[in-house]
Amino acid sequence: MSAACRADQRPNRTSRSRAALLTAGAAVAALVLSACGSGGTSGGAGNTNFIAGKNGIDTASKGERDAVPDLSGKTIDGKQLDIRDYKGKVVVVNVWGSWCGPCRAEAKNLESVYQDTKGQGVQFIGINTRDSSTSPALAFEKEFGVTYPSLYDPTGKLMLRFKKGTLNPQLIPSTLIIDRNGKVAARTLQALSEETLRKMLNPVLAEK
């Protein structure tokens, strides 16, 4: 094979490499966009008795709620946590990742509502997902002053324990309100303002 032919092939290999890189980059971008959105109302197929409401908040009436699954394991700071330990309290479960822009936007709002309500029998729990290590998650908590615990769930296994239709793993952040009996009372699949979070939380907190 002549040197000219080999020279012709080198640009072809470079072009193929560039095309492969562009394709890979597009795939990564698509994954990030699908995994970290500003929210929505679809939680996947499955009847969870949610009634769609205003501001992207879905609710389930008291007699139509599904039990929260087993949420237990290590937190991002290495402690053990089991959601069953908080039965009798209203629990706010927030799914987040340090890589997620909307999660960063809502973090201080969640912490503010937590500080306002923890004396009223409310517990916040995070589920940190898709962070390859706990280091960025811990840095996120430090940056935004988050003081409530978060379970470490890098592969999303905890989310898959919820009844189909409760959470959409492609929509992060997501937030659930768990009533005092350990059942899912409300959800939203979007970043939250303080006002919207209080509108989700207050009706469940007022239940007897």
N, C-alpha and C. Protein backbone atom coordinates (compact mmCIF):
# COMPACT_ATOMS: atom_id res chain seq x y z
N MET A 1 0.86 -1.20 0.00
CA MET A 1 0.00 0.00 0.00
C MET A 1 0.89 1.24 0.00
N SER A 2 0.59 2.22 -0.87
CA SER A 2 1.42 3.41 -1.00
C SER A 2 1.26 4.32 0.18
N ALA A 3 2.25 5.23 0.36
CA ALA A 3 2.19 6.21 1.44
C ALA A 3 1.00 7.12 1.25
N ALA A 4 0.62 7.42 0.02
CA ALA A 4 -0.51 8.29 -0.25
C ALA A 4 -1.80 7.66 0.25
N CYS A 5 -1.94 6.36 0.04
CA CYS A 5 -3.15 5.68 0.53
C CYS A 5 -3.20 5.73 2.04
N ARG A 6 -2.06 5.49 2.70
CA ARG A 6 -2.05 5.53 4.17
C ARG A 6 -2.38 6.93 4.65
N ALA A 7 -1.89 7.95 3.98
CA ALA A 7 -2.17 9.33 4.36
C ALA A 7 -3.67 9.62 4.21
N ASP A 8 -4.26 9.06 3.13
CA ASP A 8 -5.70 9.26 2.95
C ASP A 8 -6.50 8.64 4.08
N GLN A 9 -6.00 7.52 4.62
CA GLN A 9 -6.74 6.82 5.66
C GLN A 9 -6.65 7.54 7.00
N ARG A 10 -5.54 8.23 7.27
CA ARG A 10 -5.39 8.89 8.56
C ARG A 10 -6.48 9.93 8.81
N PRO A 11 -6.77 10.82 7.84
CA PRO A 11 -7.88 11.76 8.05
C PRO A 11 -9.21 11.05 8.25
N ASN A 12 -9.38 9.91 7.54
CA ASN A 12 -10.63 9.17 7.71
C ASN A 12 -10.79 8.67 9.13
N ARG A 13 -9.66 8.14 9.71
CA ARG A 13 -9.71 7.67 11.09
C ARG A 13 -9.99 8.83 12.03
N THR A 14 -9.37 9.99 11.76
CA THR A 14 -9.61 11.18 12.59
C THR A 14 -11.06 11.61 12.51
N SER A 15 -11.59 11.59 11.28
CA SER A 15 -12.99 11.98 11.10
C SER A 15 -13.92 11.04 11.85
N ARG A 16 -13.59 9.73 11.77
CA ARG A 16 -14.43 8.76 12.49
C ARG A 16 -14.34 8.98 13.98
N SER A 17 -13.13 9.28 14.48
CA SER A 17 -12.95 9.53 15.91
C SER A 17 -13.75 10.74 16.36
N ARG A 18 -13.69 11.81 15.54
CA ARG A 18 -14.44 13.02 15.88
C ARG A 18 -15.94 12.74 15.89
N ALA A 19 -16.39 11.95 14.90
CA ALA A 19 -17.82 11.63 14.83
C ALA A 19 -18.24 10.83 16.06
N ALA A 20 -17.37 9.89 16.46
CA ALA A 20 -17.69 9.07 17.64
C ALA A 20 -17.76 9.93 18.89
N LEU A 21 -16.82 10.87 19.01
CA LEU A 21 -16.83 11.76 20.17
C LEU A 21 -18.08 12.62 20.19
N LEU A 22 -18.46 13.13 19.03
CA LEU A 22 -19.67 13.95 18.96
C LEU A 22 -20.90 13.15 19.33
N THR A 23 -20.95 11.90 18.85
CA THR A 23 -22.09 11.04 19.17
C THR A 23 -22.14 10.74 20.66
N ALA A 24 -20.98 10.43 21.26
CA ALA A 24 -20.91 10.15 22.69
C ALA A 24 -21.32 11.38 23.49
N GLY A 25 -20.83 12.55 23.04
CA GLY A 25 -21.18 13.79 23.74
C GLY A 25 -22.67 14.05 23.70
N ALA A 26 -23.29 13.79 22.55
CA ALA A 26 -24.74 14.00 22.43
C ALA A 26 -25.49 13.05 23.34
N ALA A 27 -25.01 11.81 23.44
CA ALA A 27 -25.67 10.83 24.31
C ALA A 27 -25.60 11.24 25.76
N VAL A 28 -24.41 11.72 26.18
CA VAL A 28 -24.25 12.18 27.57
C VAL A 28 -25.17 13.36 27.84
N ALA A 29 -25.21 14.30 26.89
CA ALA A 29 -26.07 15.48 27.07
C ALA A 29 -27.52 15.07 27.19
N ALA A 30 -27.95 14.11 26.37
CA ALA A 30 -29.34 13.65 26.43
C ALA A 30 -29.63 13.02 27.78
N LEU A 31 -28.69 12.23 28.30
CA LEU A 31 -28.88 11.59 29.60
C LEU A 31 -29.01 12.63 30.70
N VAL A 32 -28.14 13.65 30.68
CA VAL A 32 -28.19 14.68 31.70
C VAL A 32 -29.52 15.42 31.64
N LEU A 33 -29.98 15.73 30.42
CA LEU A 33 -31.24 16.46 30.28
C LEU A 33 -32.40 15.63 30.78
N SER A 34 -32.38 14.31 30.49
CA SER A 34 -33.50 13.47 30.91
C SER A 34 -33.46 13.22 32.40
N ALA A 35 -32.26 13.20 32.99
CA ALA A 35 -32.13 12.85 34.40
C ALA A 35 -32.28 14.03 35.32
N CYS A 36 -32.10 15.23 34.81
CA CYS A 36 -32.14 16.41 35.68
C CYS A 36 -32.96 17.49 35.03
N GLY A 37 -34.27 17.38 35.15
CA GLY A 37 -35.16 18.34 34.55
C GLY A 37 -35.79 19.23 35.60
N SER A 38 -36.54 20.21 35.13
CA SER A 38 -37.23 21.09 36.07
C SER A 38 -38.53 20.49 36.54
N GLY A 39 -38.82 19.28 36.09
CA GLY A 39 -39.94 18.56 36.68
C GLY A 39 -41.03 18.26 35.68
N GLY A 40 -42.16 17.80 36.21
CA GLY A 40 -43.29 17.40 35.41
C GLY A 40 -44.29 16.73 36.30
N THR A 41 -45.31 16.13 35.69
CA THR A 41 -46.34 15.49 36.49
C THR A 41 -46.46 14.01 36.24
N SER A 42 -45.69 13.49 35.29
CA SER A 42 -45.80 12.08 34.98
C SER A 42 -44.84 11.26 35.83
N GLY A 43 -45.38 10.26 36.51
CA GLY A 43 -44.53 9.41 37.34
C GLY A 43 -44.39 8.02 36.79
N GLY A 44 -44.70 7.82 35.51
CA GLY A 44 -44.64 6.49 34.94
C GLY A 44 -45.95 5.76 35.15
N ALA A 45 -46.14 4.65 34.42
CA ALA A 45 -47.39 3.91 34.49
C ALA A 45 -47.56 3.27 35.86
N GLY A 46 -48.79 3.21 36.29
CA GLY A 46 -49.08 2.59 37.59
C GLY A 46 -50.12 3.40 38.33
N ASN A 47 -51.10 2.71 38.90
CA ASN A 47 -52.17 3.41 39.61
C ASN A 47 -51.79 3.62 41.06
N THR A 48 -51.48 4.86 41.41
CA THR A 48 -51.13 5.19 42.80
C THR A 48 -52.18 6.08 43.44
N ASN A 49 -53.33 6.23 42.76
CA ASN A 49 -54.46 7.02 43.29
C ASN A 49 -54.12 8.49 43.50
N PHE A 50 -53.12 8.99 42.79
CA PHE A 50 -52.81 10.42 42.87
C PHE A 50 -53.83 11.23 42.07
N ILE A 51 -54.18 12.37 42.61
CA ILE A 51 -55.03 13.32 41.91
C ILE A 51 -54.17 14.53 41.57
N ALA A 52 -54.07 14.85 40.28
CA ALA A 52 -53.23 15.97 39.85
C ALA A 52 -53.85 17.28 40.32
N GLY A 53 -53.02 18.14 40.88
CA GLY A 53 -53.49 19.43 41.37
C GLY A 53 -52.72 20.57 40.76
N LYS A 54 -52.89 21.74 41.32
CA LYS A 54 -52.21 22.92 40.82
C LYS A 54 -50.74 22.89 41.19
N ASN A 55 -49.95 23.67 40.48
CA ASN A 55 -48.51 23.81 40.76
C ASN A 55 -47.74 22.50 40.65
N GLY A 56 -48.28 21.54 39.89
CA GLY A 56 -47.57 20.27 39.71
C GLY A 56 -47.57 19.38 40.94
N ILE A 57 -48.49 19.60 41.87
CA ILE A 57 -48.57 18.79 43.08
C ILE A 57 -49.67 17.74 42.91
N ASP A 58 -49.32 16.48 43.09
CA ASP A 58 -50.29 15.38 43.06
C ASP A 58 -50.54 14.92 44.49
N THR A 59 -51.80 14.62 44.81
CA THR A 59 -52.14 14.20 46.16
C THR A 59 -52.96 12.91 46.12
N ALA A 60 -52.94 12.19 47.23
CA ALA A 60 -53.77 11.00 47.39
C ALA A 60 -54.60 11.18 48.65
N SER A 61 -55.89 10.91 48.56
CA SER A 61 -56.75 11.07 49.73
C SER A 61 -56.37 10.07 50.81
N LYS A 62 -56.77 10.35 52.02
CA LYS A 62 -56.27 9.61 53.17
C LYS A 62 -56.51 8.10 53.08
N GLY A 63 -57.64 7.70 52.54
CA GLY A 63 -57.95 6.27 52.46
C GLY A 63 -57.42 5.59 51.21
N GLU A 64 -56.71 6.32 50.36
CA GLU A 64 -56.27 5.78 49.07
C GLU A 64 -54.75 5.80 48.90
N ARG A 65 -54.04 5.88 49.99
CA ARG A 65 -52.58 6.04 49.90
C ARG A 65 -51.83 4.72 49.98
N ASP A 66 -50.70 4.68 49.29
CA ASP A 66 -49.84 3.50 49.32
C ASP A 66 -48.74 3.69 50.36
N ALA A 67 -48.35 2.60 50.99
CA ALA A 67 -47.30 2.66 52.00
C ALA A 67 -45.95 2.97 51.36
N VAL A 68 -45.16 3.73 52.07
CA VAL A 68 -43.80 4.00 51.61
C VAL A 68 -43.00 2.70 51.72
N PRO A 69 -42.13 2.40 50.76
CA PRO A 69 -41.35 1.16 50.84
C PRO A 69 -40.24 1.27 51.88
N ASP A 70 -39.51 0.19 52.05
CA ASP A 70 -38.35 0.19 52.94
C ASP A 70 -37.30 1.16 52.40
N LEU A 71 -37.05 2.20 53.15
CA LEU A 71 -35.99 3.15 52.82
C LEU A 71 -35.00 3.13 53.97
N SER A 72 -33.97 2.37 53.82
CA SER A 72 -32.98 2.24 54.88
C SER A 72 -31.61 2.00 54.27
N GLY A 73 -30.60 2.32 55.04
CA GLY A 73 -29.24 2.13 54.57
C GLY A 73 -28.32 3.19 55.13
N LYS A 74 -27.19 3.35 54.47
CA LYS A 74 -26.21 4.33 54.94
C LYS A 74 -26.49 5.70 54.35
N THR A 75 -26.25 6.71 55.16
CA THR A 75 -26.36 8.08 54.69
C THR A 75 -25.04 8.49 54.03
N ILE A 76 -25.03 9.67 53.43
CA ILE A 76 -23.81 10.11 52.75
C ILE A 76 -22.67 10.37 53.72
N ASP A 77 -23.00 10.54 55.02
CA ASP A 77 -21.93 10.70 56.00
C ASP A 77 -21.67 9.41 56.79
N GLY A 78 -22.16 8.27 56.26
CA GLY A 78 -21.80 6.97 56.80
C GLY A 78 -22.61 6.47 57.98
N LYS A 79 -23.70 7.14 58.31
CA LYS A 79 -24.54 6.69 59.41
C LYS A 79 -25.67 5.80 58.88
N GLN A 80 -26.32 5.08 59.80
CA GLN A 80 -27.45 4.25 59.41
C GLN A 80 -28.74 5.04 59.56
N LEU A 81 -29.66 4.85 58.61
CA LEU A 81 -30.95 5.54 58.66
C LEU A 81 -32.04 4.57 58.20
N ASP A 82 -33.18 4.62 58.88
CA ASP A 82 -34.33 3.81 58.51
C ASP A 82 -35.56 4.69 58.64
N ILE A 83 -36.30 4.87 57.54
CA ILE A 83 -37.46 5.76 57.57
C ILE A 83 -38.51 5.29 58.57
N ARG A 84 -38.53 3.99 58.89
CA ARG A 84 -39.51 3.48 59.85
C ARG A 84 -39.31 4.05 61.24
N ASP A 85 -38.11 4.54 61.51
CA ASP A 85 -37.85 5.15 62.81
C ASP A 85 -38.62 6.46 63.00
N TYR A 86 -39.15 7.01 61.89
CA TYR A 86 -39.85 8.29 61.96
C TYR A 86 -41.36 8.14 61.85
N LYS A 87 -41.86 6.91 62.00
CA LYS A 87 -43.31 6.71 61.95
C LYS A 87 -43.95 7.51 63.08
N GLY A 88 -45.05 8.18 62.78
CA GLY A 88 -45.67 9.11 63.74
C GLY A 88 -45.34 10.54 63.42
N LYS A 89 -44.33 10.74 62.55
CA LYS A 89 -43.99 12.07 62.06
C LYS A 89 -44.41 12.19 60.60
N VAL A 90 -44.58 13.41 60.16
CA VAL A 90 -44.73 13.66 58.72
C VAL A 90 -43.32 13.75 58.15
N VAL A 91 -43.06 12.99 57.09
CA VAL A 91 -41.71 12.92 56.53
C VAL A 91 -41.72 13.48 55.11
N VAL A 92 -40.79 14.38 54.84
CA VAL A 92 -40.58 14.92 53.50
C VAL A 92 -39.37 14.20 52.91
N VAL A 93 -39.57 13.49 51.80
CA VAL A 93 -38.50 12.76 51.13
C VAL A 93 -38.15 13.50 49.84
N ASN A 94 -36.90 13.94 49.73
CA ASN A 94 -36.45 14.67 48.55
C ASN A 94 -35.34 13.90 47.84
N VAL A 95 -35.55 13.62 46.56
CA VAL A 95 -34.55 12.92 45.74
C VAL A 95 -33.71 13.97 45.01
N TRP A 96 -32.38 13.88 45.16
CA TRP A 96 -31.51 14.92 44.61
C TRP A 96 -30.16 14.36 44.20
N GLY A 97 -29.44 15.15 43.44
CA GLY A 97 -28.06 14.84 43.09
C GLY A 97 -27.25 16.12 43.06
N SER A 98 -26.00 16.05 43.42
CA SER A 98 -25.17 17.26 43.44
C SER A 98 -24.95 17.83 42.05
N TRP A 99 -25.12 17.00 41.02
CA TRP A 99 -24.89 17.36 39.63
C TRP A 99 -26.11 18.06 39.01
N CYS A 100 -27.19 18.15 39.77
CA CYS A 100 -28.49 18.57 39.23
C CYS A 100 -28.76 20.04 39.53
N GLY A 101 -28.85 20.87 38.47
CA GLY A 101 -29.07 22.30 38.64
C GLY A 101 -30.33 22.64 39.41
N PRO A 102 -31.50 22.06 39.07
CA PRO A 102 -32.71 22.35 39.83
C PRO A 102 -32.61 21.95 41.31
N CYS A 103 -31.83 20.91 41.60
CA CYS A 103 -31.62 20.51 43.00
C CYS A 103 -30.88 21.61 43.76
N ARG A 104 -29.93 22.22 43.09
CA ARG A 104 -29.19 23.32 43.72
C ARG A 104 -30.11 24.52 43.94
N ALA A 105 -31.03 24.73 43.00
CA ALA A 105 -31.94 25.86 43.10
C ALA A 105 -32.90 25.73 44.28
N GLU A 106 -33.29 24.50 44.61
CA GLU A 106 -34.30 24.31 45.66
C GLU A 106 -33.71 24.00 47.03
N ALA A 107 -32.41 23.72 47.11
CA ALA A 107 -31.82 23.20 48.35
C ALA A 107 -32.07 24.09 49.56
N LYS A 108 -31.84 25.38 49.41
CA LYS A 108 -32.03 26.29 50.55
C LYS A 108 -33.49 26.42 50.93
N ASN A 109 -34.38 26.27 49.95
CA ASN A 109 -35.81 26.33 50.24
C ASN A 109 -36.23 25.16 51.12
N LEU A 110 -35.72 23.98 50.81
CA LEU A 110 -36.05 22.81 51.62
C LEU A 110 -35.50 22.95 53.03
N GLU A 111 -34.28 23.41 53.14
CA GLU A 111 -33.67 23.57 54.47
C GLU A 111 -34.44 24.60 55.29
N SER A 112 -34.89 25.68 54.66
CA SER A 112 -35.63 26.70 55.38
C SER A 112 -36.95 26.15 55.94
N VAL A 113 -37.67 25.39 55.12
CA VAL A 113 -38.94 24.81 55.58
C VAL A 113 -38.67 23.76 56.66
N TYR A 114 -37.60 23.01 56.51
CA TYR A 114 -37.24 22.03 57.54
C TYR A 114 -37.01 22.71 58.89
N GLN A 115 -36.26 23.79 58.88
CA GLN A 115 -35.99 24.49 60.14
C GLN A 115 -37.27 25.03 60.77
N ASP A 116 -38.21 25.47 59.92
CA ASP A 116 -39.46 26.03 60.41
C ASP A 116 -40.41 24.97 60.97
N THR A 117 -40.30 23.74 60.48
CA THR A 117 -41.32 22.73 60.81
C THR A 117 -40.83 21.56 61.65
N LYS A 118 -39.52 21.43 61.85
CA LYS A 118 -39.03 20.25 62.57
C LYS A 118 -39.55 20.18 64.00
N GLY A 119 -39.89 21.33 64.59
CA GLY A 119 -40.46 21.34 65.92
C GLY A 119 -41.94 20.97 65.95
N GLN A 120 -42.53 20.79 64.76
CA GLN A 120 -43.95 20.43 64.65
C GLN A 120 -44.14 18.96 64.28
N GLY A 121 -43.08 18.18 64.42
CA GLY A 121 -43.20 16.75 64.10
C GLY A 121 -42.97 16.44 62.63
N VAL A 122 -42.10 17.22 61.98
CA VAL A 122 -41.76 17.00 60.57
C VAL A 122 -40.29 16.60 60.47
N GLN A 123 -40.02 15.57 59.68
CA GLN A 123 -38.65 15.14 59.44
C GLN A 123 -38.38 15.16 57.94
N PHE A 124 -37.27 15.73 57.54
CA PHE A 124 -36.84 15.71 56.15
C PHE A 124 -35.79 14.61 55.98
N ILE A 125 -35.88 13.90 54.86
CA ILE A 125 -34.87 12.89 54.49
C ILE A 125 -34.56 13.07 53.01
N GLY A 126 -33.29 13.13 52.66
CA GLY A 126 -32.90 13.17 51.26
C GLY A 126 -32.54 11.79 50.76
N ILE A 127 -32.65 11.59 49.46
CA ILE A 127 -32.10 10.41 48.79
C ILE A 127 -31.15 10.94 47.72
N ASN A 128 -29.87 10.82 47.97
CA ASN A 128 -28.86 11.29 47.03
C ASN A 128 -28.61 10.20 45.98
N THR A 129 -28.74 10.55 44.71
CA THR A 129 -28.62 9.54 43.67
C THR A 129 -27.69 9.99 42.55
N ARG A 130 -27.06 9.01 41.91
CA ARG A 130 -26.21 9.18 40.73
C ARG A 130 -24.95 9.99 40.98
N ASP A 131 -24.60 10.19 42.23
CA ASP A 131 -23.27 10.71 42.54
C ASP A 131 -22.34 9.52 42.69
N SER A 132 -21.22 9.54 41.98
CA SER A 132 -20.33 8.37 41.97
C SER A 132 -19.61 8.16 43.28
N SER A 133 -19.55 9.19 44.13
CA SER A 133 -19.00 9.06 45.48
C SER A 133 -19.75 10.03 46.38
N THR A 134 -19.51 9.91 47.67
CA THR A 134 -20.21 10.80 48.61
C THR A 134 -19.56 12.18 48.69
N SER A 135 -18.36 12.34 48.16
CA SER A 135 -17.66 13.62 48.30
C SER A 135 -18.43 14.80 47.71
N PRO A 136 -18.92 14.71 46.45
CA PRO A 136 -19.68 15.85 45.92
C PRO A 136 -21.00 16.07 46.65
N ALA A 137 -21.59 15.00 47.16
CA ALA A 137 -22.84 15.14 47.92
C ALA A 137 -22.59 15.88 49.23
N LEU A 138 -21.51 15.54 49.91
CA LEU A 138 -21.16 16.23 51.15
C LEU A 138 -20.82 17.69 50.89
N ALA A 139 -20.15 17.95 49.78
CA ALA A 139 -19.82 19.34 49.42
C ALA A 139 -21.10 20.13 49.13
N PHE A 140 -22.07 19.48 48.48
CA PHE A 140 -23.36 20.11 48.20
C PHE A 140 -24.04 20.50 49.51
N GLU A 141 -24.09 19.58 50.46
CA GLU A 141 -24.74 19.88 51.75
C GLU A 141 -24.06 21.04 52.46
N LYS A 142 -22.74 21.06 52.41
CA LYS A 142 -22.00 22.14 53.05
C LYS A 142 -22.28 23.47 52.37
N GLU A 143 -22.29 23.47 51.05
CA GLU A 143 -22.51 24.71 50.29
C GLU A 143 -23.87 25.32 50.56
N PHE A 144 -24.90 24.47 50.68
CA PHE A 144 -26.26 24.98 50.82
C PHE A 144 -26.80 24.87 52.25
N GLY A 145 -25.94 24.47 53.17
CA GLY A 145 -26.34 24.44 54.58
C GLY A 145 -27.40 23.41 54.90
N VAL A 146 -27.41 22.29 54.19
CA VAL A 146 -28.41 21.25 54.42
C VAL A 146 -28.03 20.46 55.68
N THR A 147 -28.96 20.38 56.63
CA THR A 147 -28.66 19.74 57.91
C THR A 147 -29.40 18.42 58.13
N TYR A 148 -30.41 18.14 57.32
CA TYR A 148 -31.13 16.86 57.49
C TYR A 148 -30.37 15.75 56.76
N PRO A 149 -30.59 14.49 57.15
CA PRO A 149 -29.80 13.38 56.58
C PRO A 149 -30.25 12.99 55.18
N SER A 150 -29.34 12.41 54.43
CA SER A 150 -29.66 11.88 53.11
C SER A 150 -29.09 10.48 52.94
N LEU A 151 -29.93 9.55 52.53
CA LEU A 151 -29.47 8.21 52.17
C LEU A 151 -28.64 8.29 50.89
N TYR A 152 -27.62 7.45 50.80
CA TYR A 152 -26.77 7.42 49.61
C TYR A 152 -27.25 6.31 48.70
N ASP A 153 -27.72 6.67 47.52
CA ASP A 153 -28.34 5.72 46.58
C ASP A 153 -27.80 5.96 45.18
N PRO A 154 -26.51 5.67 44.95
CA PRO A 154 -25.88 6.06 43.68
C PRO A 154 -26.51 5.43 42.45
N THR A 155 -27.07 4.22 42.58
CA THR A 155 -27.62 3.54 41.40
C THR A 155 -29.14 3.62 41.31
N GLY A 156 -29.78 4.29 42.25
CA GLY A 156 -31.23 4.46 42.18
C GLY A 156 -32.03 3.27 42.67
N LYS A 157 -31.41 2.35 43.41
CA LYS A 157 -32.13 1.16 43.87
C LYS A 157 -33.28 1.49 44.82
N LEU A 158 -33.08 2.50 45.66
CA LEU A 158 -34.14 2.86 46.61
C LEU A 158 -35.36 3.40 45.87
N MET A 159 -35.15 4.19 44.84
CA MET A 159 -36.27 4.73 44.07
C MET A 159 -37.09 3.63 43.42
N LEU A 160 -36.42 2.56 43.00
CA LEU A 160 -37.12 1.46 42.34
C LEU A 160 -37.99 0.66 43.30
N ARG A 161 -37.85 0.88 44.60
CA ARG A 161 -38.68 0.18 45.57
C ARG A 161 -40.08 0.79 45.67
N PHE A 162 -40.25 2.02 45.21
CA PHE A 162 -41.56 2.65 45.26
C PHE A 162 -42.50 1.99 44.25
N LYS A 163 -43.77 1.96 44.58
CA LYS A 163 -44.77 1.41 43.68
C LYS A 163 -44.68 2.12 42.34
N LYS A 164 -44.81 1.37 41.27
CA LYS A 164 -44.71 1.92 39.93
C LYS A 164 -45.70 3.07 39.76
N GLY A 165 -45.20 4.18 39.27
CA GLY A 165 -46.03 5.36 39.09
C GLY A 165 -45.83 6.41 40.17
N THR A 166 -45.14 6.04 41.26
CA THR A 166 -44.93 6.99 42.35
C THR A 166 -43.83 7.98 42.01
N LEU A 167 -42.70 7.45 41.56
CA LEU A 167 -41.57 8.29 41.19
C LEU A 167 -41.15 7.98 39.76
N ASN A 168 -40.70 8.98 39.05
CA ASN A 168 -40.10 8.79 37.74
C ASN A 168 -38.60 9.01 37.89
N PRO A 169 -37.79 7.93 37.80
CA PRO A 169 -36.34 8.08 38.01
C PRO A 169 -35.67 9.06 37.07
N GLN A 170 -36.34 9.41 35.96
CA GLN A 170 -35.75 10.36 35.02
C GLN A 170 -36.01 11.81 35.42
N LEU A 171 -36.83 12.04 36.43
CA LEU A 171 -37.15 13.40 36.84
C LEU A 171 -36.61 13.67 38.24
N ILE A 172 -35.52 14.37 38.29
CA ILE A 172 -34.87 14.72 39.55
C ILE A 172 -34.64 16.22 39.52
N PRO A 173 -35.02 16.96 40.57
CA PRO A 173 -35.47 16.49 41.87
C PRO A 173 -36.94 16.05 41.89
N SER A 174 -37.25 15.19 42.86
CA SER A 174 -38.62 14.78 43.15
C SER A 174 -38.80 14.85 44.65
N THR A 175 -40.02 15.16 45.09
CA THR A 175 -40.29 15.26 46.52
C THR A 175 -41.61 14.57 46.85
N LEU A 176 -41.60 13.80 47.94
CA LEU A 176 -42.79 13.12 48.44
C LEU A 176 -43.07 13.57 49.87
N ILE A 177 -44.36 13.61 50.22
CA ILE A 177 -44.76 13.84 51.60
C ILE A 177 -45.35 12.54 52.12
N ILE A 178 -44.78 12.03 53.20
CA ILE A 178 -45.23 10.78 53.82
C ILE A 178 -46.01 11.13 55.08
N ASP A 179 -47.24 10.60 55.20
CA ASP A 179 -48.06 10.95 56.36
C ASP A 179 -47.60 10.23 57.63
N ARG A 180 -48.26 10.49 58.73
CA ARG A 180 -47.83 9.94 60.02
C ARG A 180 -47.97 8.43 60.11
N ASN A 181 -48.74 7.85 59.19
CA ASN A 181 -48.91 6.40 59.14
C ASN A 181 -47.97 5.73 58.15
N GLY A 182 -47.02 6.50 57.62
CA GLY A 182 -46.04 5.93 56.70
C GLY A 182 -46.57 5.71 55.29
N LYS A 183 -47.53 6.54 54.87
CA LYS A 183 -48.10 6.39 53.53
C LYS A 183 -47.88 7.66 52.71
N VAL A 184 -47.78 7.47 51.39
CA VAL A 184 -47.44 8.57 50.49
C VAL A 184 -48.67 9.44 50.25
N ALA A 185 -48.63 10.67 50.74
CA ALA A 185 -49.78 11.57 50.67
C ALA A 185 -49.71 12.55 49.51
N ALA A 186 -48.51 12.93 49.10
CA ALA A 186 -48.36 13.93 48.04
C ALA A 186 -47.01 13.77 47.37
N ARG A 187 -46.93 14.24 46.14
CA ARG A 187 -45.65 14.20 45.42
C ARG A 187 -45.58 15.35 44.45
N THR A 188 -44.38 15.71 44.11
CA THR A 188 -44.14 16.62 42.99
C THR A 188 -42.83 16.23 42.33
N LEU A 189 -42.76 16.41 41.03
CA LEU A 189 -41.59 16.03 40.26
C LEU A 189 -40.99 17.27 39.63
N GLN A 190 -40.57 18.19 40.51
CA GLN A 190 -40.04 19.47 40.07
C GLN A 190 -39.26 20.11 41.21
N ALA A 191 -38.47 21.13 40.88
CA ALA A 191 -37.81 21.92 41.92
C ALA A 191 -38.86 22.75 42.65
N LEU A 192 -38.68 22.91 43.96
CA LEU A 192 -39.69 23.53 44.80
C LEU A 192 -39.28 24.89 45.34
N SER A 193 -40.22 25.82 45.32
CA SER A 193 -40.08 27.05 46.08
C SER A 193 -40.55 26.75 47.51
N GLU A 194 -40.22 27.63 48.45
CA GLU A 194 -40.73 27.46 49.81
C GLU A 194 -42.25 27.43 49.81
N GLU A 195 -42.85 28.33 49.04
CA GLU A 195 -44.32 28.44 49.03
C GLU A 195 -44.97 27.15 48.55
N THR A 196 -44.45 26.58 47.48
CA THR A 196 -45.04 25.35 46.95
C THR A 196 -44.85 24.19 47.91
N LEU A 197 -43.67 24.10 48.52
CA LEU A 197 -43.43 23.03 49.48
C LEU A 197 -44.38 23.13 50.67
N ARG A 198 -44.60 24.33 51.15
CA ARG A 198 -45.52 24.50 52.28
C ARG A 198 -46.95 24.12 51.88
N LYS A 199 -47.33 24.40 50.63
CA LYS A 199 -48.66 24.02 50.17
C LYS A 199 -48.81 22.50 50.10
N MET A 200 -47.72 21.80 49.83
CA MET A 200 -47.75 20.33 49.86
C MET A 200 -47.82 19.80 51.27
N LEU A 201 -47.03 20.40 52.13
CA LEU A 201 -46.81 19.88 53.47
C LEU A 201 -47.95 20.20 54.44
N ASN A 202 -48.45 21.41 54.40
CA ASN A 202 -49.39 21.87 55.43
C ASN A 202 -50.65 21.04 55.55
N PRO A 203 -51.30 20.62 54.44
CA PRO A 203 -52.51 19.79 54.59
C PRO A 203 -52.25 18.46 55.29
N VAL A 204 -51.10 17.85 55.02
CA VAL A 204 -50.76 16.58 55.66
C VAL A 204 -50.42 16.81 57.13
N LEU A 205 -49.73 17.90 57.41
CA LEU A 205 -49.38 18.24 58.78
C LEU A 205 -50.63 18.51 59.61
N ALA A 206 -51.67 19.02 58.97
CA ALA A 206 -52.91 19.36 59.68
C ALA A 206 -53.80 18.14 59.94
N GLU A 207 -53.50 17.02 59.31
CA GLU A 207 -54.33 15.83 59.51
C GLU A 207 -54.22 15.29 60.94
N LYS A 208 -55.32 14.75 61.42
CA LYS A 208 -55.36 14.17 62.77
C LYS A 208 -55.31 12.66 62.69
